[in-house]
Protein backbone atom coordinates (compact mmCIF):
# COMPACT_ATOMS: atom_id res chain seq x y z
CA UNK A 1 8.05 -10.95 11.89
CA UNK A 2 9.36 -9.19 8.76
CA UNK A 3 7.88 -9.37 5.35
CA UNK A 4 9.62 -11.61 2.78
CA UNK A 5 10.89 -10.68 -0.59
CA UNK A 6 8.80 -13.19 -2.32
CA UNK A 7 5.54 -11.52 -1.08
CA UNK A 8 6.94 -8.12 -2.14
CA UNK A 9 7.62 -9.43 -5.63
CA UNK A 10 4.12 -10.90 -5.84
CA UNK A 11 2.45 -7.57 -4.88
CA UNK A 12 4.75 -5.69 -7.36
CA UNK A 13 3.63 -8.06 -10.11
CA UNK A 14 0.00 -7.52 -9.15
CA UNK A 15 0.65 -3.69 -9.52
CA UNK A 16 2.44 -4.05 -12.91
CA UNK A 17 -0.41 -2.48 -14.74
CA UNK A 18 0.39 0.91 -13.05
CA UNK A 19 3.23 3.21 -14.02
CA UNK A 20 5.69 4.54 -11.42
CA UNK A 21 5.31 1.94 -8.61
CA UNK A 22 8.35 2.00 -6.35
CA UNK A 23 9.12 0.70 -2.89
CA UNK A 24 11.51 1.28 -0.02
CA UNK A 25 12.77 -1.28 2.38
CA UNK A 26 12.26 -0.10 6.00
CA UNK A 27 13.24 -2.12 9.02
CA UNK A 28 12.34 -5.48 7.47
CA UNK A 29 9.16 -4.14 5.81
CA UNK A 30 8.33 -2.34 2.52
CA UNK A 31 6.71 1.01 1.90
CA UNK A 32 4.84 1.03 -1.37
CA UNK A 33 4.77 4.36 -3.46
CA UNK A 34 2.59 5.25 -6.45
CA UNK A 35 3.89 8.25 -8.46
CA UNK A 36 5.94 9.33 -5.45
CA UNK A 37 3.06 9.15 -2.94
CA UNK A 38 2.90 6.67 -0.15
CA UNK A 39 -0.15 4.29 -0.63
CA UNK A 40 0.72 1.75 1.96
CA UNK A 41 3.15 -1.05 2.59
CA UNK A 42 3.89 -4.66 3.25
CA UNK A 43 4.01 -5.53 6.91
CA UNK A 44 4.34 -9.00 8.16
CA UNK A 45 3.35 -10.29 4.73
CA UNK A 46 0.19 -8.28 4.79
CA UNK A 47 -0.63 -5.61 2.22
CA UNK A 48 -1.97 -2.57 4.00
CA UNK A 49 -3.02 0.74 2.54
CA UNK A 50 -3.96 4.17 3.97
CA UNK A 51 -7.57 4.49 4.87
CA UNK A 52 -8.68 6.99 2.36
CA UNK A 53 -12.39 7.51 1.55
CA UNK A 54 -12.06 5.79 -1.70
CA UNK A 55 -10.14 2.77 -0.26
CA UNK A 56 -12.91 2.46 2.47
CA UNK A 57 -15.54 2.71 -0.28
CA UNK A 58 -13.88 0.09 -2.49
CA UNK A 59 -13.19 -2.20 0.54
CA UNK A 60 -16.08 -1.56 2.95
CA UNK A 61 -15.58 -4.68 4.94
CA UNK A 62 -11.71 -4.55 5.06
CA UNK A 63 -10.41 -4.83 8.59
CA UNK A 64 -8.29 -2.09 10.07
CA UNK A 65 -4.91 -3.45 11.28
CA UNK A 66 -1.79 -1.95 12.75
CA UNK A 67 1.30 -2.22 10.56
CA UNK A 68 3.48 -2.01 13.78
CA UNK A 69 3.10 -0.96 17.40
CA UNK A 70 2.49 2.75 17.66
CA UNK A 71 1.39 3.23 13.99
CA UNK A 72 -1.94 4.52 12.69
CA UNK A 73 -4.37 1.83 11.59
CA UNK A 74 -4.46 0.91 7.91
CA UNK A 75 -6.69 -1.19 5.72
CA UNK A 76 -5.89 -4.80 4.90
CA UNK A 77 -6.08 -5.52 1.29
CA UNK A 78 -7.62 -8.88 0.94
CA UNK A 79 -8.11 -8.99 -2.94
CA UNK A 80 -4.39 -9.17 -3.70
CA UNK A 81 -5.01 -11.73 -6.42
CA UNK A 82 -6.86 -9.20 -8.67
CA UNK A 83 -4.70 -7.00 -10.75
CA UNK A 84 -7.78 -5.01 -11.91
CA UNK A 85 -8.94 -4.38 -8.42
CA UNK A 86 -5.51 -3.17 -7.25
CA UNK A 87 -5.16 -0.90 -10.31
CA UNK A 88 -8.64 0.52 -9.60
CA UNK A 89 -7.84 0.93 -5.93
CA UNK A 90 -4.56 2.76 -6.41
CA UNK A 91 -6.03 5.12 -9.13
CA UNK A 92 -8.92 5.93 -6.88
CA UNK A 93 -6.79 6.63 -3.82
CA UNK A 94 -4.10 8.68 -5.62
CA UNK A 95 -5.81 12.10 -5.48
CA UNK A 96 -6.64 11.65 -1.81
CA UNK A 97 -3.06 10.93 -0.74
CA UNK A 98 -0.85 13.67 0.62
CA UNK A 99 1.80 15.15 -1.65
CA UNK A 100 5.37 13.89 -0.86
CA UNK A 101 7.18 15.96 1.70
CA UNK A 102 9.88 18.33 0.44
CA UNK A 103 13.42 17.28 1.39
CA UNK A 104 15.32 19.70 3.53
CA UNK A 105 18.52 21.04 2.02
């Protein structure tokens, strides 16, 4: 089952306090970027983020879920109704996320 655009728009609205949030559609799902770094994505209408130390600290009981078969586990964000929490989560995670890969010329 693919993610729907309405759920994407809801998540983007919840992240509207942050600057430089972008997304990319990929095979019916959406990858979410914060200042050019991949934070997570929307998979089957679930908002999943990379399991950084700060994400695990802020969401100690969040279940690990697979975004799709063969992928690494990610954390399910259950407090999607809180703009304050999502802003805090993304800001805490940012320094732990890998830098974007350089594009080959």
